[in-house]
């Protein structure tokens, strides 16, 4: 009876150790895939042109309003104000 209990305990320990190792491997693999995918991406991102001043800025830094790109909120406001006066 004691031998059966010892075998059961050893089996349980090995099972949980294997489960832990599998989870660690799966997490490592996902991290590695994310790292490899991140290398293909350009650091600055795509460049877009400001509608007001025609300067190119990274898309992540640009502002978008009504389908147009702007380098700053001041240029966006000036463009929208000018557009409004042209429509009237």
N, C-alpha and C. Protein backbone atom coordinates (compact mmCIF):
# COMPACT_ATOMS: atom_id res chain seq x y z
N UNK A 1 0.82 -1.19 0.00
CA UNK A 1 0.00 0.00 0.00
C UNK A 1 0.86 1.25 0.00
N UNK A 2 1.96 1.24 0.80
CA UNK A 2 2.84 2.39 0.84
C UNK A 2 3.49 2.62 -0.52
N UNK A 3 3.86 1.56 -1.19
CA UNK A 3 4.51 1.67 -2.50
C UNK A 3 3.56 2.29 -3.52
N UNK A 4 2.30 1.94 -3.46
CA UNK A 4 1.31 2.50 -4.37
C UNK A 4 1.13 4.00 -4.13
N UNK A 5 1.11 4.42 -2.89
CA UNK A 5 0.97 5.83 -2.54
C UNK A 5 2.19 6.62 -3.01
N UNK A 6 3.37 6.07 -2.84
CA UNK A 6 4.60 6.74 -3.28
C UNK A 6 4.59 6.90 -4.80
N UNK A 7 4.20 5.86 -5.50
CA UNK A 7 4.13 5.93 -6.97
C UNK A 7 3.12 6.99 -7.42
N UNK A 8 2.00 7.07 -6.74
CA UNK A 8 0.98 8.05 -7.06
C UNK A 8 1.51 9.47 -6.84
N UNK A 9 2.20 9.70 -5.77
CA UNK A 9 2.78 11.02 -5.47
C UNK A 9 3.83 11.38 -6.52
N UNK A 10 4.69 10.43 -6.87
CA UNK A 10 5.72 10.68 -7.88
C UNK A 10 5.07 11.00 -9.23
N UNK A 11 4.04 10.25 -9.59
CA UNK A 11 3.33 10.49 -10.85
C UNK A 11 2.71 11.89 -10.86
N UNK A 12 2.10 12.30 -9.76
CA UNK A 12 1.47 13.63 -9.67
C UNK A 12 2.51 14.73 -9.80
N UNK A 13 3.67 14.56 -9.13
CA UNK A 13 4.73 15.56 -9.20
C UNK A 13 5.26 15.66 -10.63
N UNK A 14 5.49 14.52 -11.27
CA UNK A 14 5.97 14.54 -12.65
C UNK A 14 4.95 15.16 -13.61
N UNK A 15 3.67 14.87 -13.38
CA UNK A 15 2.63 15.42 -14.22
C UNK A 15 2.59 16.95 -14.12
N UNK A 16 2.61 17.48 -12.90
CA UNK A 16 2.55 18.93 -12.72
C UNK A 16 3.84 19.61 -13.19
N UNK A 17 4.98 18.94 -13.04
CA UNK A 17 6.24 19.49 -13.55
C UNK A 17 6.21 19.56 -15.08
N UNK A 18 5.69 18.51 -15.71
CA UNK A 18 5.57 18.50 -17.17
C UNK A 18 4.60 19.56 -17.65
N UNK A 19 3.51 19.75 -16.95
CA UNK A 19 2.54 20.78 -17.30
C UNK A 19 3.16 22.17 -17.19
N UNK A 20 3.92 22.38 -16.14
CA UNK A 20 4.60 23.68 -15.95
C UNK A 20 5.62 23.92 -17.07
N UNK A 21 6.39 22.90 -17.42
CA UNK A 21 7.36 23.05 -18.50
C UNK A 21 6.68 23.33 -19.84
N UNK A 22 5.55 22.68 -20.09
CA UNK A 22 4.81 22.91 -21.33
C UNK A 22 4.31 24.35 -21.39
N UNK A 23 3.79 24.87 -20.30
CA UNK A 23 3.31 26.25 -20.27
C UNK A 23 4.46 27.24 -20.47
N UNK A 24 5.61 26.96 -19.88
CA UNK A 24 6.78 27.83 -20.06
C UNK A 24 7.23 27.81 -21.52
N UNK A 25 7.23 26.64 -22.14
CA UNK A 25 7.63 26.52 -23.54
C UNK A 25 6.66 27.28 -24.44
N UNK A 26 5.38 27.13 -24.19
CA UNK A 26 4.36 27.81 -25.01
C UNK A 26 4.50 29.33 -24.89
N UNK A 27 4.73 29.84 -23.69
CA UNK A 27 4.92 31.28 -23.48
C UNK A 27 6.19 31.75 -24.18
N UNK A 28 7.26 30.98 -24.09
CA UNK A 28 8.52 31.34 -24.75
C UNK A 28 8.33 31.40 -26.26
N UNK A 29 7.59 30.42 -26.79
CA UNK A 29 7.35 30.37 -28.23
C UNK A 29 6.54 31.57 -28.70
N UNK A 30 5.50 31.96 -27.97
CA UNK A 30 4.69 33.13 -28.32
C UNK A 30 5.52 34.41 -28.26
N UNK A 31 6.35 34.54 -27.23
CA UNK A 31 7.21 35.72 -27.12
C UNK A 31 8.18 35.79 -28.28
N UNK A 32 8.72 34.66 -28.67
CA UNK A 32 9.67 34.62 -29.78
C UNK A 32 8.99 35.00 -31.09
N UNK A 33 7.77 34.51 -31.32
CA UNK A 33 7.03 34.86 -32.53
C UNK A 33 6.74 36.35 -32.58
N UNK A 34 6.37 36.96 -31.44
CA UNK A 34 6.11 38.39 -31.40
C UNK A 34 7.39 39.17 -31.70
N UNK A 35 8.50 38.69 -31.19
CA UNK A 35 9.78 39.36 -31.45
C UNK A 35 10.12 39.31 -32.93
N UNK A 36 9.94 38.16 -33.55
CA UNK A 36 10.25 38.03 -34.97
C UNK A 36 9.32 38.87 -35.83
N UNK A 37 8.05 38.95 -35.47
CA UNK A 37 7.11 39.78 -36.20
C UNK A 37 7.44 41.25 -36.05
N UNK A 38 7.92 41.65 -34.88
CA UNK A 38 8.26 43.04 -34.62
C UNK A 38 9.46 43.52 -35.43
N UNK A 39 10.36 42.61 -35.82
CA UNK A 39 11.53 43.00 -36.60
C UNK A 39 11.17 43.42 -38.01
N UNK A 40 10.08 42.89 -38.56
CA UNK A 40 9.68 43.22 -39.92
C UNK A 40 9.05 44.60 -40.01
N UNK A 41 8.58 45.12 -38.91
CA UNK A 41 7.87 46.39 -38.91
C UNK A 41 8.87 47.54 -38.92
N UNK A 42 8.57 48.60 -39.67
CA UNK A 42 9.43 49.77 -39.68
C UNK A 42 9.25 50.52 -38.38
N UNK A 43 10.32 51.13 -37.91
CA UNK A 43 10.27 51.78 -36.61
C UNK A 43 9.37 53.01 -36.60
N UNK A 44 9.48 53.86 -37.62
CA UNK A 44 8.71 55.09 -37.64
C UNK A 44 7.31 54.93 -38.18
N UNK A 45 7.07 53.90 -38.89
CA UNK A 45 5.76 53.70 -39.49
C UNK A 45 5.66 54.40 -40.84
N UNK A 46 4.48 54.41 -41.38
CA UNK A 46 4.24 55.00 -42.69
C UNK A 46 4.22 56.52 -42.55
N UNK A 47 4.73 57.21 -43.58
CA UNK A 47 4.76 58.66 -43.59
C UNK A 47 3.51 59.18 -44.31
N UNK A 48 2.93 60.25 -43.77
CA UNK A 48 1.77 60.89 -44.39
C UNK A 48 2.08 62.38 -44.55
N UNK A 49 1.37 63.03 -45.46
CA UNK A 49 1.63 64.44 -45.75
C UNK A 49 0.57 65.31 -45.10
N UNK A 50 1.01 66.37 -44.44
CA UNK A 50 0.09 67.34 -43.85
C UNK A 50 -0.63 68.07 -44.97
N UNK A 51 -1.94 68.15 -44.87
CA UNK A 51 -2.75 68.80 -45.90
C UNK A 51 -2.48 70.30 -45.95
N UNK A 52 -2.14 70.90 -44.83
CA UNK A 52 -1.94 72.35 -44.78
C UNK A 52 -0.56 72.77 -45.28
N UNK A 53 0.51 72.16 -44.74
CA UNK A 53 1.87 72.63 -45.05
C UNK A 53 2.66 71.66 -45.94
N UNK A 54 2.10 70.52 -46.29
CA UNK A 54 2.71 69.52 -47.17
C UNK A 54 3.97 68.87 -46.58
N UNK A 55 4.17 68.94 -45.29
CA UNK A 55 5.31 68.30 -44.63
C UNK A 55 4.96 66.85 -44.33
N UNK A 56 5.91 65.95 -44.53
CA UNK A 56 5.69 64.53 -44.23
C UNK A 56 6.00 64.26 -42.76
N UNK A 57 5.10 63.56 -42.10
CA UNK A 57 5.27 63.17 -40.69
C UNK A 57 4.88 61.70 -40.55
N UNK A 58 5.43 61.01 -39.53
CA UNK A 58 5.02 59.62 -39.30
C UNK A 58 3.53 59.54 -38.98
N UNK A 59 2.90 58.51 -39.45
CA UNK A 59 1.46 58.33 -39.25
C UNK A 59 1.11 58.29 -37.77
N UNK A 60 2.00 57.76 -36.95
CA UNK A 60 1.73 57.67 -35.52
C UNK A 60 1.70 59.04 -34.85
N UNK A 61 2.41 60.03 -35.42
CA UNK A 61 2.44 61.38 -34.85
C UNK A 61 1.42 62.31 -35.49
N UNK A 62 0.85 61.92 -36.60
CA UNK A 62 -0.07 62.79 -37.34
C UNK A 62 -1.48 62.73 -36.77
N UNK A 63 -2.25 63.77 -37.08
CA UNK A 63 -3.65 63.84 -36.68
C UNK A 63 -4.50 63.66 -37.93
N UNK A 64 -5.62 62.98 -37.79
CA UNK A 64 -6.49 62.75 -38.94
C UNK A 64 -7.87 63.32 -38.65
N UNK A 65 -8.36 64.10 -39.58
CA UNK A 65 -9.68 64.71 -39.45
C UNK A 65 -10.34 64.74 -40.81
N UNK A 66 -11.52 64.21 -40.92
CA UNK A 66 -12.31 64.19 -42.14
C UNK A 66 -11.52 63.63 -43.33
N UNK A 67 -10.75 62.58 -43.08
CA UNK A 67 -10.00 61.92 -44.14
C UNK A 67 -8.72 62.62 -44.55
N UNK A 68 -8.35 63.70 -43.88
CA UNK A 68 -7.13 64.45 -44.18
C UNK A 68 -6.13 64.29 -43.04
N UNK A 69 -4.83 64.37 -43.35
CA UNK A 69 -3.77 64.24 -42.36
C UNK A 69 -3.19 65.61 -42.05
N UNK A 70 -2.81 65.81 -40.78
CA UNK A 70 -2.24 67.08 -40.34
C UNK A 70 -1.07 66.82 -39.39
N UNK A 71 -0.07 67.73 -39.44
CA UNK A 71 1.10 67.55 -38.58
C UNK A 71 0.88 68.11 -37.18
N UNK A 72 -0.10 69.02 -37.02
CA UNK A 72 -0.38 69.59 -35.70
C UNK A 72 -1.84 69.99 -35.62
N UNK A 73 -2.28 70.24 -34.41
CA UNK A 73 -3.67 70.65 -34.22
C UNK A 73 -3.90 72.05 -34.76
N UNK A 74 -2.88 72.90 -34.74
CA UNK A 74 -3.01 74.25 -35.28
C UNK A 74 -3.28 74.21 -36.79
N UNK A 75 -2.56 73.37 -37.51
CA UNK A 75 -2.77 73.25 -38.94
C UNK A 75 -4.13 72.64 -39.24
N UNK A 76 -4.54 71.70 -38.42
CA UNK A 76 -5.86 71.10 -38.60
C UNK A 76 -6.95 72.15 -38.43
N UNK A 77 -6.83 72.94 -37.36
CA UNK A 77 -7.85 73.96 -37.10
C UNK A 77 -7.87 75.02 -38.20
N UNK A 78 -6.71 75.46 -38.68
CA UNK A 78 -6.65 76.47 -39.74
C UNK A 78 -7.28 75.93 -41.03
N UNK A 79 -6.98 74.69 -41.36
CA UNK A 79 -7.52 74.08 -42.57
C UNK A 79 -9.04 73.97 -42.49
N UNK A 80 -9.54 73.48 -41.35
CA UNK A 80 -10.99 73.32 -41.20
C UNK A 80 -11.71 74.67 -41.19
N UNK A 81 -11.08 75.68 -40.60
CA UNK A 81 -11.67 77.03 -40.59
C UNK A 81 -11.71 77.60 -41.99
N UNK A 82 -10.64 77.43 -42.73
CA UNK A 82 -10.59 77.92 -44.12
C UNK A 82 -11.60 77.17 -45.00
N UNK A 83 -11.73 75.89 -44.77
CA UNK A 83 -12.67 75.09 -45.53
C UNK A 83 -14.10 75.53 -45.26
N UNK A 84 -14.38 75.87 -43.99
CA UNK A 84 -15.72 76.33 -43.62
C UNK A 84 -16.05 77.66 -44.28
N UNK A 85 -15.09 78.58 -44.33
CA UNK A 85 -15.35 79.88 -44.93
C UNK A 85 -15.50 79.75 -46.44
N UNK A 86 -14.80 78.81 -47.07
CA UNK A 86 -14.94 78.59 -48.50
C UNK A 86 -16.31 78.03 -48.86
N UNK A 87 -16.88 77.22 -47.97
CA UNK A 87 -18.18 76.62 -48.23
C UNK A 87 -19.31 77.64 -48.11
N UNK A 88 -19.10 78.70 -47.33
CA UNK A 88 -20.18 79.69 -47.10
C UNK A 88 -20.28 80.68 -48.19
